[in-house]
Amino acid sequence: MNNGKRLTRSKKNKVVAGVCGGLAEYLNVDPTIIRLAAALFCVMGGSGILLYVIAAIIMPEDSGDDYYYES
């Protein structure tokens, strides 16, 4: 389904914690679109800030490996 990709925080495409960059890599979209959506959620009620912090805590950081093998 997702060809072995994992949702991780990006090391190479990060501004703060790599959450938006990791989500963009996972969804194969431009990170700017994800960052604009996150900024919109932050401005509208502040729920985006809470979601970003939770995601930064929960999502593992990218290991830097190009391949992911399930055992």
Protein backbone atom coordinates (compact mmCIF):
# COMPACT_ATOMS: atom_id res chain seq x y z
CA MET A 1 0.00 0.00 0.00
CA ASN A 2 2.63 2.58 0.98
CA ASN A 3 5.59 0.68 -0.56
CA GLY A 4 7.37 0.30 2.77
CA LYS A 5 7.43 4.01 3.57
CA ARG A 6 7.16 5.07 7.19
CA LEU A 7 5.87 8.34 8.56
CA THR A 8 8.93 9.90 10.22
CA ARG A 9 10.22 13.37 10.98
CA SER A 10 12.50 14.47 8.17
CA LYS A 11 16.18 15.18 8.82
CA LYS A 12 16.88 16.71 5.43
CA ASN A 13 13.68 18.72 4.96
CA LYS A 14 13.02 20.40 8.28
CA VAL A 15 12.48 23.90 9.56
CA VAL A 16 11.56 23.28 13.22
CA ALA A 17 11.25 19.58 14.07
CA GLY A 18 10.78 18.00 10.63
CA VAL A 19 7.11 17.10 11.07
CA CYS A 20 5.84 18.93 7.97
CA GLY A 21 8.80 17.77 5.89
CA GLY A 22 8.27 14.17 6.96
CA LEU A 23 4.56 14.33 6.23
CA ALA A 24 5.27 15.84 2.80
CA GLU A 25 7.78 13.09 2.01
CA TYR A 26 5.30 10.43 3.12
CA LEU A 27 2.47 11.89 1.01
CA ASN A 28 4.84 12.76 -1.86
CA VAL A 29 3.74 16.41 -2.02
CA ASP A 30 5.55 19.74 -1.83
CA PRO A 31 6.48 20.55 1.79
CA THR A 32 5.40 24.16 1.27
CA ILE A 33 1.79 23.02 0.91
CA ILE A 34 1.97 21.10 4.19
CA ARG A 35 3.64 24.04 5.95
CA LEU A 36 0.98 26.46 4.70
CA ALA A 37 -1.78 24.13 5.91
CA ALA A 38 -0.05 23.83 9.31
CA ALA A 39 0.26 27.61 9.55
CA LEU A 40 -3.43 27.95 8.71
CA PHE A 41 -4.35 25.51 11.50
CA CYS A 42 -2.13 27.46 13.91
CA VAL A 43 -3.85 30.74 13.09
CA MET A 44 -7.37 29.29 13.25
CA GLY A 45 -7.83 28.48 16.91
CA GLY A 46 -4.30 27.35 17.68
CA SER A 47 -5.06 23.64 17.30
CA GLY A 48 -2.22 23.33 14.80
CA ILE A 49 0.36 24.16 17.45
CA LEU A 50 -0.88 21.38 19.72
CA LEU A 51 -1.04 18.89 16.83
CA TYR A 52 2.47 19.83 15.71
CA VAL A 53 3.92 19.36 19.21
CA ILE A 54 2.16 16.00 19.63
CA ALA A 55 3.38 14.85 16.20
CA ALA A 56 6.94 15.97 17.00
CA ILE A 57 6.86 13.87 20.18
CA ILE A 58 5.19 10.80 18.67
CA MET A 59 6.82 10.60 15.21
CA PRO A 60 10.24 8.94 15.16
CA GLU A 61 13.08 10.80 13.47
CA ASP A 62 14.18 9.58 10.06
CA SER A 63 17.08 7.16 10.42
CA GLY A 64 18.61 8.34 7.16
CA ASP A 65 18.34 4.90 5.55
CA ASP A 66 17.03 4.89 2.00
CA TYR A 67 15.24 1.59 2.47
CA TYR A 68 12.92 0.21 5.09
CA TYR A 69 12.69 -3.54 5.54
CA GLU A 70 10.01 -5.19 7.60
CA SER A 71 11.20 -8.13 9.67
